[in-house]
Amino acid sequence: MYKRLSAILFPVTALLLIGSLVWGYQENQEKNAILIKAENQYQRAFHDLSYHVDKLHSELGTTLALNAASTGSQRKGLVNVWRITSEAQNEINQLPLTLLPFNKTEEFLSRIAKFSYQTAIRDLTKQPLSDNEMKNLQELYKNSAEISKDLVEVQDKVISNRLRWMDVETALVSQKEPNDNTIIDGFKTVDKKVGEYPELDWGPSISSMYNKRSVKKLGGQPITTEDIKKKAAAFVGSKGAANIEVIENGKGTEWASYTANVQNKGKGESWSLDFTRNGGHLISYSYNREVGKKAVDANKARAQADKFLADKGYKGLTAVSFDEFDNEGNFTYVTKQGEVLIYPEKVTLRVALDNGEVTGMQASDYVYERENQNEAGKPKLTVQEARKFLNSQYKEKYQRLALIENEQSEKVLTYEFGGSVNGSQYRIYINADNGNEEIVEEIRAGKEEAIQS
């Protein structure tokens, strides 16, 4: 009996063993194939990065060598600098450097990209490169040569020693600090050198993009946690005032703030509110609850949103856009100064479309921009003169004055024209002083109807 049983089980066991070995081998092969593919992608991105930084240095030199009157060639050179720098940034993002301090180099490349792009898109025949901008280009040319040299040294070591990027990723994820990892040490050296470069005068338009908002720039005195509790209770209403916890964020820094967590345990409700430390300005609000099926249209939701802002003391705001997603609507409101919309001063509201209740607010732009006291001024062009700069096929639906922030981070007064061309809806912002098309924005279907009432 046992012989018969073993005669049956032995081949079955052997088959199972062989099957498990085959399965394990296939799994190992697939894993190795994935690792090889990832390694190849990392190697390609790194070698492309080294190539593009060297190319950046060459293109900066070519641009500097041009005659000051060759504005067309200068623009072409600056566009190439922007394109190459953007490629280098993309390649850095493909490398496993998330846990490695390389932010100074990334910011350096980001500033070069924005500087070259914004300089290239302006009319260099009317506004040629200034002495300061030429000085910047010379400094960038010098710095890019040093970065390129350091990356080439790392590249040579990677090739000659057959170093693997997968080892870098493993070392970073495991939080180890190996002294003999050539790639990590090389990138740290590059970033340290970049951090020691003298700060360039990029001009107000570039610098403004990197100006971090500090509570020190806000008006008002620092307030206490007890003040925050009172403000949170007043905003939410007495129904949630029983249980409020206040957390201080960024203590001792320029970005200090408070978060108030409010709970009404009896009804299972909770709210979260963020306030600035200086002045106690509300910068965000969230009411956490489940949203039911849609039962309210955009116009009724806007009426509820208007009432919410009025009840909370936000005056002089008007809705300019609406988006709908997953039974919730998002309204963007901006300050209205006379007949001019002040777009930088914006508040975003999230409305539940089951009953029209406001469940969220983001007001950081409104709080910080109000401190700038944006003044719209007067347009030099009439609306009829501005209209001449539109596409002849553009079908205008409405127009209004708007203060916006353009691609150069400059605040400019414009005529906002809403309408359609080629079957799509657009907003076109025409500079009210010189007729330039500052921004062309496509409007998705259903977005415009909610605000043109």
Protein backbone atom coordinates (compact mmCIF):
# COMPACT_ATOMS: atom_id res chain seq x y z
CA MET A 1 0.00 0.00 0.00
CA TYR A 2 2.79 2.35 0.98
CA LYS A 3 4.65 1.52 -2.21
CA ARG A 4 1.62 2.38 -4.30
CA LEU A 5 1.06 5.63 -2.34
CA SER A 6 4.71 6.67 -2.67
CA ALA A 7 4.63 5.80 -6.33
CA ILE A 8 1.79 8.30 -6.75
CA LEU A 9 3.07 11.05 -4.39
CA PHE A 10 6.68 11.06 -5.54
CA PRO A 11 5.99 12.23 -9.10
CA VAL A 12 3.41 14.74 -7.83
CA THR A 13 5.90 16.15 -5.32
CA ALA A 14 8.59 16.25 -7.99
CA LEU A 15 6.29 18.12 -10.34
CA LEU A 16 5.41 20.61 -7.60
CA LEU A 17 9.07 21.13 -6.78
CA ILE A 18 10.00 21.62 -10.43
CA GLY A 19 7.04 23.99 -10.86
CA SER A 20 8.08 26.09 -7.85
CA LEU A 21 11.64 26.24 -9.15
CA VAL A 22 10.45 27.35 -12.57
CA TRP A 23 8.12 29.93 -11.03
CA GLY A 24 10.90 31.23 -8.78
CA TYR A 25 13.27 31.43 -11.72
CA GLN A 26 10.72 33.36 -13.80
CA GLU A 27 10.01 35.71 -10.91
CA ASN A 28 13.73 36.31 -10.45
CA GLN A 29 14.16 36.92 -14.17
CA GLU A 30 11.28 39.42 -14.19
CA LYS A 31 12.71 41.20 -11.13
CA ASN A 32 16.15 41.37 -12.74
CA ALA A 33 14.61 42.69 -15.96
CA ILE A 34 12.86 45.48 -14.02
CA LEU A 35 16.08 46.36 -12.17
CA ILE A 36 18.07 46.42 -15.41
CA LYS A 37 15.43 48.65 -17.05
CA ALA A 38 15.47 51.06 -14.08
CA GLU A 39 19.28 51.12 -14.06
CA ASN A 40 19.36 51.86 -17.79
CA GLN A 41 16.86 54.71 -17.35
CA TYR A 42 18.93 56.22 -14.52
CA GLN A 43 22.14 55.93 -16.54
CA ARG A 44 20.54 57.52 -19.59
CA ALA A 45 19.11 60.41 -17.54
CA PHE A 46 22.47 61.04 -15.83
CA HIS A 47 24.51 61.03 -19.03
CA ASP A 48 21.92 63.24 -20.74
CA LEU A 49 22.11 65.63 -17.77
CA SER A 50 25.88 65.88 -18.10
CA TYR A 51 25.53 66.48 -21.85
CA HIS A 52 22.87 69.19 -21.47
CA VAL A 53 24.77 71.10 -18.75
CA ASP A 54 27.80 71.14 -21.06
CA LYS A 55 25.53 72.24 -23.92
CA LEU A 56 24.09 74.97 -21.66
CA HIS A 57 27.58 76.32 -21.05
CA SER A 58 28.26 76.34 -24.79
CA GLU A 59 24.96 78.08 -25.65
CA LEU A 60 25.52 80.78 -23.01
CA GLY A 61 28.95 81.43 -24.53
CA THR A 62 27.49 81.67 -28.03
CA THR A 63 24.86 84.16 -26.86
CA LEU A 64 27.50 86.30 -25.16
CA ALA A 65 29.61 86.32 -28.33
CA LEU A 66 26.81 87.91 -30.39
CA ASN A 67 26.79 91.55 -31.41
CA ALA A 68 24.53 93.67 -29.20
CA ALA A 69 22.53 94.68 -32.28
CA SER A 70 21.81 91.06 -33.27
CA THR A 71 18.59 90.92 -31.27
CA GLY A 72 17.13 88.12 -33.38
CA SER A 73 20.13 85.86 -32.75
CA GLN A 74 20.14 86.84 -29.08
CA ARG A 75 16.52 85.78 -28.76
CA LYS A 76 17.29 82.48 -30.51
CA GLY A 77 20.20 81.88 -28.14
CA LEU A 78 18.09 82.64 -25.05
CA VAL A 79 15.32 80.32 -26.27
CA ASN A 80 17.94 77.57 -26.67
CA VAL A 81 19.24 78.26 -23.15
CA TRP A 82 15.68 77.93 -21.81
CA ARG A 83 15.08 74.71 -23.76
CA ILE A 84 18.36 73.09 -22.69
CA THR A 85 17.90 74.09 -19.05
CA SER A 86 14.39 72.66 -19.06
CA GLU A 87 15.80 69.38 -20.42
CA ALA A 88 18.38 69.32 -17.61
CA GLN A 89 15.68 69.93 -15.00
CA ASN A 90 13.63 67.07 -16.42
CA GLU A 91 16.63 64.73 -16.25
CA ILE A 92 17.31 65.63 -12.62
CA ASN A 93 13.70 64.72 -11.84
CA GLN A 94 14.28 61.26 -13.37
CA LEU A 95 17.18 60.49 -11.03
CA PRO A 96 16.72 58.98 -7.52
CA LEU A 97 17.75 62.21 -5.76
CA THR A 98 14.59 62.79 -3.70
CA LEU A 99 16.41 62.19 -0.41
CA LEU A 100 19.64 63.84 -1.52
CA PRO A 101 20.14 67.59 -0.98
CA PHE A 102 20.32 68.89 -4.55
CA ASN A 103 17.84 71.74 -4.18
CA LYS A 104 20.37 74.56 -4.68
CA THR A 105 21.33 73.23 -8.11
CA GLU A 106 17.69 72.67 -9.07
CA GLU A 107 16.78 76.23 -8.02
CA PHE A 108 19.82 77.57 -9.89
CA LEU A 109 18.67 75.86 -13.11
CA SER A 110 15.10 77.00 -12.49
CA ARG A 111 16.20 80.62 -12.29
CA ILE A 112 18.26 80.32 -15.46
CA ALA A 113 15.23 78.87 -17.25
CA LYS A 114 12.88 81.63 -16.11
CA PHE A 115 15.45 84.38 -16.75
CA SER A 116 16.16 83.17 -20.30
CA TYR A 117 12.48 82.59 -21.10
CA GLN A 118 11.23 85.94 -19.85
CA THR A 119 14.09 87.79 -21.56
CA ALA A 120 13.50 85.95 -24.85
CA ILE A 121 9.76 86.63 -25.06
CA ARG A 122 10.10 90.40 -24.82
CA ASP A 123 10.79 92.66 -27.80
CA LEU A 124 14.59 93.03 -27.64
CA THR A 125 14.55 95.72 -30.34
CA LYS A 126 12.62 97.98 -27.94
CA GLN A 127 14.02 96.63 -24.68
CA PRO A 128 17.53 95.23 -25.35
CA LEU A 129 19.59 93.28 -22.84
CA SER A 130 20.71 95.60 -20.06
CA ASP A 131 24.26 95.81 -18.68
CA ASN A 132 23.07 93.95 -15.57
CA GLU A 133 21.53 91.15 -17.68
CA MET A 134 24.74 90.80 -19.70
CA LYS A 135 26.66 90.59 -16.42
CA ASN A 136 24.29 87.84 -15.30
CA LEU A 137 24.88 85.90 -18.51
CA GLN A 138 28.66 86.15 -18.04
CA GLU A 139 28.36 84.87 -14.47
CA LEU A 140 26.06 82.03 -15.58
CA TYR A 141 28.55 81.12 -18.31
CA LYS A 142 31.31 80.86 -15.72
CA ASN A 143 29.19 78.91 -13.22
CA SER A 144 27.83 76.46 -15.80
CA ALA A 145 31.42 75.62 -16.80
CA GLU A 146 32.21 74.61 -13.21
CA ILE A 147 29.04 72.52 -12.85
CA SER A 148 29.72 70.82 -16.18
CA LYS A 149 33.32 70.01 -15.16
CA ASP A 150 32.17 68.45 -11.87
CA LEU A 151 29.47 66.37 -13.55
CA VAL A 152 31.92 65.12 -16.18
CA GLU A 153 34.27 63.99 -13.39
CA VAL A 154 31.43 62.02 -11.79
CA GLN A 155 30.49 60.65 -15.21
CA ASP A 156 34.06 59.44 -15.84
CA LYS A 157 34.10 57.63 -12.50
CA VAL A 158 30.69 56.07 -13.17
CA ILE A 159 31.89 54.70 -16.52
CA SER A 160 35.39 53.60 -15.49
CA ASN A 161 34.26 51.94 -12.22
CA ARG A 162 30.96 50.67 -13.61
CA LEU A 163 29.01 52.27 -10.77
CA ARG A 164 25.29 51.56 -10.46
CA TRP A 165 22.52 54.06 -9.75
CA MET A 166 20.49 51.30 -8.09
CA ASP A 167 23.10 51.33 -5.30
CA VAL A 168 22.52 55.06 -4.87
CA GLU A 169 18.77 54.55 -4.56
CA THR A 170 19.26 51.73 -2.03
CA ALA A 171 21.66 53.85 0.04
CA LEU A 172 19.32 56.84 0.09
CA VAL A 173 16.21 54.83 0.96
CA SER A 174 18.03 52.98 3.77
CA GLN A 175 19.16 56.34 5.20
CA LYS A 176 22.80 55.22 5.09
CA GLU A 177 25.59 57.75 4.58
CA PRO A 178 28.32 55.81 2.76
CA ASN A 179 31.58 57.73 2.45
CA ASP A 180 32.61 55.72 -0.59
CA ASN A 181 29.55 56.32 -2.76
CA THR A 182 31.09 58.29 -5.60
CA ILE A 183 27.79 59.38 -7.15
CA ILE A 184 26.30 60.72 -3.90
CA ASP A 185 29.52 62.49 -2.95
CA GLY A 186 29.78 63.98 -6.45
CA PHE A 187 26.28 65.42 -6.41
CA LYS A 188 26.75 66.78 -2.88
CA THR A 189 29.92 68.54 -4.05
CA VAL A 190 28.09 70.10 -7.00
CA ASP A 191 25.23 71.33 -4.81
CA LYS A 192 27.62 72.74 -2.19
CA LYS A 193 29.52 74.72 -4.85
CA VAL A 194 26.29 76.08 -6.35
CA GLY A 195 25.18 77.21 -2.90
CA GLU A 196 28.39 79.23 -2.58
CA TYR A 197 27.85 81.18 -5.82
CA PRO A 198 27.22 84.91 -5.25
CA GLU A 199 23.54 85.86 -5.51
CA LEU A 200 22.75 87.48 -8.85
CA ASP A 201 20.46 90.45 -9.36
CA TRP A 202 17.78 88.71 -11.41
CA GLY A 203 15.51 91.75 -11.51
CA PRO A 204 12.16 92.21 -9.77
CA SER A 205 10.13 89.94 -12.07
CA ILE A 206 12.33 86.85 -11.50
CA SER A 207 13.02 87.54 -7.82
CA SER A 208 9.31 87.93 -7.06
CA MET A 209 8.73 84.29 -8.10
CA TYR A 210 11.02 83.12 -5.32
CA ASN A 211 9.94 85.54 -2.61
CA LYS A 212 8.61 83.32 0.14
CA ARG A 213 5.62 84.71 1.95
CA SER A 214 6.58 85.63 5.47
CA VAL A 215 4.18 86.45 8.29
CA LYS A 216 6.55 89.29 9.16
CA LYS A 217 5.27 91.08 6.07
CA LEU A 218 1.71 90.93 7.35
CA GLY A 219 0.17 93.66 9.44
CA GLY A 220 -0.98 93.10 13.00
CA GLN A 221 0.66 91.90 16.19
CA PRO A 222 1.35 88.23 17.03
CA ILE A 223 -1.66 86.68 18.70
CA THR A 224 -2.10 83.91 21.30
CA THR A 225 -3.68 80.48 21.13
CA GLU A 226 -6.61 81.79 23.16
CA ASP A 227 -7.23 84.45 20.52
CA ILE A 228 -7.19 81.72 17.86
CA LYS A 229 -9.76 79.69 19.81
CA LYS A 230 -12.08 82.69 19.90
CA LYS A 231 -11.61 83.39 16.20
CA ALA A 232 -12.22 79.73 15.29
CA ALA A 233 -15.34 79.54 17.48
CA ALA A 234 -16.72 82.74 15.96
CA PHE A 235 -16.10 81.54 12.40
CA VAL A 236 -17.57 78.07 12.90
CA GLY A 237 -20.37 79.19 15.19
CA SER A 238 -21.30 78.23 18.71
CA LYS A 239 -22.24 74.69 17.63
CA GLY A 240 -18.56 73.76 17.44
CA ALA A 241 -17.06 75.94 20.14
CA ALA A 242 -17.07 73.29 22.88
CA ASN A 243 -13.95 71.40 21.78
CA ILE A 244 -11.12 73.37 20.11
CA GLU A 245 -7.48 72.30 19.92
CA VAL A 246 -4.87 74.77 18.64
CA ILE A 247 -1.53 73.66 17.18
CA GLU A 248 1.32 76.09 16.51
CA ASN A 249 3.15 75.53 13.21
CA GLY A 250 6.66 76.73 12.33
CA LYS A 251 7.37 78.21 15.75
CA GLY A 252 10.26 80.66 15.65
CA THR A 253 10.30 80.86 11.84
CA GLU A 254 9.06 83.46 9.35
CA TRP A 255 6.14 81.19 8.43
CA ALA A 256 4.64 80.69 11.88
CA SER A 257 0.91 79.93 11.89
CA TYR A 258 -1.81 78.24 13.92
CA THR A 259 -4.15 75.36 13.10
CA ALA A 260 -7.41 75.16 15.03
CA ASN A 261 -9.15 71.77 15.05
CA VAL A 262 -12.78 72.08 16.10
CA GLN A 263 -15.03 69.16 16.98
CA ASN A 264 -18.71 68.74 17.72
CA LYS A 265 -18.61 65.17 19.03
CA GLY A 266 -22.36 65.04 19.58
CA LYS A 267 -23.00 65.30 15.84
CA GLY A 268 -19.72 63.80 14.65
CA GLU A 269 -18.71 67.07 12.95
CA SER A 270 -15.21 68.53 12.66
CA TRP A 271 -13.58 71.62 11.18
CA SER A 272 -10.00 72.69 10.53
CA LEU A 273 -8.91 76.34 10.29
CA ASP A 274 -5.46 77.84 9.63
CA PHE A 275 -4.54 81.33 10.84
CA THR A 276 -1.45 83.50 10.44
CA ARG A 277 0.44 84.24 13.62
CA ASN A 278 0.64 87.96 12.84
CA GLY A 279 -2.82 89.49 12.93
CA GLY A 280 -4.62 86.14 13.13
CA HIS A 281 -5.76 86.22 9.49
CA LEU A 282 -7.73 83.16 8.36
CA ILE A 283 -5.94 81.54 5.40
CA SER A 284 -7.86 78.26 5.06
CA TYR A 285 -11.01 76.58 6.32
CA SER A 286 -12.33 73.04 5.93
CA TYR A 287 -15.58 71.43 7.12
CA ASN A 288 -15.15 67.66 7.01
CA ARG A 289 -18.31 65.79 6.09
CA GLU A 290 -19.65 63.32 3.54
CA VAL A 291 -21.18 64.91 0.44
CA GLY A 292 -24.39 63.35 -0.89
CA LYS A 293 -25.83 63.25 -4.38
CA LYS A 294 -25.99 66.46 -6.40
CA ALA A 295 -29.23 68.36 -5.78
CA VAL A 296 -28.11 72.01 -6.25
CA ASP A 297 -27.14 73.71 -9.53
CA ALA A 298 -24.28 76.16 -9.99
CA ASN A 299 -26.42 79.30 -9.66
CA LYS A 300 -27.95 78.22 -6.35
CA ALA A 301 -24.53 77.15 -5.10
CA ARG A 302 -23.15 80.57 -6.01
CA ALA A 303 -25.95 82.27 -4.06
CA GLN A 304 -24.97 80.22 -1.02
CA ALA A 305 -21.31 81.07 -1.55
CA ASP A 306 -22.10 84.80 -1.86
CA LYS A 307 -24.05 84.66 1.41
CA PHE A 308 -21.24 82.79 3.17
CA LEU A 309 -18.68 85.46 2.26
CA ALA A 310 -21.01 88.28 3.28
CA ASP A 311 -21.77 86.61 6.62
CA LYS A 312 -18.05 86.09 7.33
CA GLY A 313 -17.20 89.72 6.62
CA TYR A 314 -15.61 89.41 3.17
CA LYS A 315 -16.83 92.45 1.25
CA GLY A 316 -16.33 93.58 -2.34
CA LEU A 317 -15.68 90.11 -3.80
CA THR A 318 -17.21 88.75 -6.99
CA ALA A 319 -17.16 85.25 -8.53
CA VAL A 320 -15.07 84.90 -11.70
CA SER A 321 -14.88 81.14 -12.30
CA PHE A 322 -16.51 77.85 -11.39
CA ASP A 323 -15.40 74.21 -11.61
CA GLU A 324 -17.39 71.12 -10.72
CA PHE A 325 -15.99 67.77 -9.65
CA ASP A 326 -17.43 64.78 -7.78
CA ASN A 327 -20.58 66.55 -6.46
CA GLU A 328 -18.57 69.55 -5.29
CA GLY A 329 -18.15 72.96 -6.88
CA ASN A 330 -15.19 75.32 -6.61
CA PHE A 331 -15.77 79.06 -6.96
CA THR A 332 -13.00 81.59 -7.36
CA TYR A 333 -13.77 85.08 -6.04
CA VAL A 334 -11.64 88.20 -6.53
CA THR A 335 -11.74 91.74 -5.19
CA LYS A 336 -13.64 94.25 -7.26
CA GLN A 337 -12.19 97.77 -7.12
CA GLY A 338 -14.71 100.05 -8.81
CA GLU A 339 -15.15 98.39 -12.20
CA VAL A 340 -11.80 96.55 -12.08
CA LEU A 341 -11.33 92.93 -10.98
CA ILE A 342 -8.17 92.46 -8.87
CA TYR A 343 -7.22 88.88 -9.74
CA PRO A 344 -4.21 88.53 -7.37
CA GLU A 345 -6.57 89.06 -4.41
CA LYS A 346 -8.50 85.82 -4.73
CA VAL A 347 -10.52 83.54 -2.45
CA THR A 348 -11.48 79.99 -3.45
CA LEU A 349 -14.60 78.36 -1.99
CA ARG A 350 -15.53 74.68 -2.07
CA VAL A 351 -19.30 74.11 -2.08
CA ALA A 352 -21.11 70.80 -1.49
CA LEU A 353 -23.67 70.40 -4.27
CA ASP A 354 -26.01 68.23 -2.19
CA ASN A 355 -27.28 71.29 -0.29
CA GLY A 356 -25.08 74.24 -1.37
CA GLU A 357 -23.16 74.44 1.92
CA VAL A 358 -19.64 75.89 1.85
CA THR A 359 -17.27 73.16 3.05
CA GLY A 360 -13.91 74.77 2.34
CA MET A 361 -12.12 78.07 1.76
CA GLN A 362 -8.59 78.99 0.66
CA ALA A 363 -7.72 82.65 1.28
CA SER A 364 -3.92 82.82 1.51
CA ASP A 365 -3.59 84.82 -1.75
CA TYR A 366 -6.26 87.24 -0.54
CA VAL A 367 -4.56 87.74 2.85
CA TYR A 368 -1.06 88.32 1.49
CA GLU A 369 -2.02 90.37 -1.57
CA ARG A 370 -4.22 92.73 0.47
CA GLU A 371 -1.02 93.88 2.16
CA ASN A 372 0.31 95.03 -1.23
CA GLN A 373 -2.60 97.47 -1.62
CA ASN A 374 -2.98 96.78 -5.33
CA GLU A 375 -4.08 99.87 -7.23
CA ALA A 376 -5.62 99.32 -10.65
CA GLY A 377 -4.95 102.76 -12.13
CA LYS A 378 -6.52 104.00 -15.35
CA PRO A 379 -6.34 102.38 -18.82
CA LYS A 380 -4.57 104.27 -21.60
CA LEU A 381 -6.51 102.42 -24.31
CA THR A 382 -10.26 102.52 -24.71
CA VAL A 383 -12.11 99.21 -24.96
CA GLN A 384 -12.65 99.86 -28.69
CA GLU A 385 -8.89 100.35 -29.20
CA ALA A 386 -8.07 97.22 -27.17
CA ARG A 387 -10.60 95.18 -29.15
CA LYS A 388 -8.58 95.78 -32.33
CA PHE A 389 -5.80 93.56 -30.94
CA LEU A 390 -8.11 90.51 -30.82
CA ASN A 391 -8.21 87.78 -33.44
CA SER A 392 -10.61 88.89 -36.18
CA GLN A 393 -12.47 85.56 -35.85
CA TYR A 394 -12.96 85.96 -32.09
CA LYS A 395 -16.64 86.15 -31.07
CA GLU A 396 -16.83 88.37 -28.02
CA LYS A 397 -19.40 87.66 -25.31
CA TYR A 398 -18.32 90.14 -22.64
CA GLN A 399 -15.47 92.41 -21.61
CA ARG A 400 -14.31 93.93 -18.33
CA LEU A 401 -11.25 95.54 -16.78
CA ALA A 402 -8.95 93.27 -14.77
CA LEU A 403 -5.67 93.66 -12.90
CA ILE A 404 -3.67 90.46 -13.42
CA GLU A 405 -0.19 89.08 -12.83
CA ASN A 406 1.41 88.22 -16.17
CA GLU A 407 4.12 85.68 -17.03
CA GLN A 408 6.79 88.17 -15.98
CA SER A 409 5.16 88.35 -12.51
CA GLU A 410 4.25 91.96 -13.24
CA LYS A 411 0.86 93.31 -12.25
CA VAL A 412 -0.75 94.90 -15.27
CA LEU A 413 -4.15 96.42 -16.00
CA THR A 414 -5.90 94.59 -18.84
CA TYR A 415 -9.16 94.29 -20.69
CA GLU A 416 -10.54 90.80 -20.15
CA PHE A 417 -12.47 89.60 -23.20
CA GLY A 418 -14.60 86.48 -22.87
CA GLY A 419 -15.70 84.71 -26.02
CA SER A 420 -15.03 81.91 -28.48
CA VAL A 421 -12.97 81.03 -31.54
CA ASN A 422 -12.53 77.75 -33.42
CA GLY A 423 -15.29 76.16 -31.37
CA SER A 424 -13.64 76.72 -27.97
CA GLN A 425 -14.23 79.26 -25.20
CA TYR A 426 -11.41 81.62 -24.19
CA ARG A 427 -10.57 84.53 -21.96
CA ILE A 428 -8.08 86.89 -23.56
CA TYR A 429 -6.35 89.55 -21.48
CA ILE A 430 -5.23 92.57 -23.53
CA ASN A 431 -2.84 95.04 -21.88
CA ALA A 432 -4.81 98.24 -21.30
CA ASP A 433 -1.70 100.38 -21.91
CA ASN A 434 -0.08 98.91 -25.04
CA GLY A 435 -2.42 96.23 -26.46
CA ASN A 436 -0.15 93.23 -25.79
CA GLU A 437 -1.88 89.86 -25.37
CA GLU A 438 -0.81 89.08 -21.82
CA ILE A 439 -2.65 85.78 -21.24
CA VAL A 440 -4.93 83.55 -23.32
CA GLU A 441 -6.91 81.11 -21.14
CA GLU A 442 -9.13 78.33 -22.44
CA ILE A 443 -12.42 77.92 -20.54
CA ARG A 444 -13.86 74.44 -20.18
CA ALA A 445 -17.54 73.87 -20.94
CA GLY A 446 -19.82 74.63 -17.99
CA LYS A 447 -17.29 76.89 -16.27
CA GLU A 448 -18.43 80.23 -17.66
CA GLU A 449 -22.20 79.93 -17.27
CA ALA A 450 -22.05 79.94 -13.48
CA ILE A 451 -20.44 83.38 -13.32
CA GLN A 452 -22.16 85.27 -16.15
CA SER A 453 -25.43 85.98 -14.39
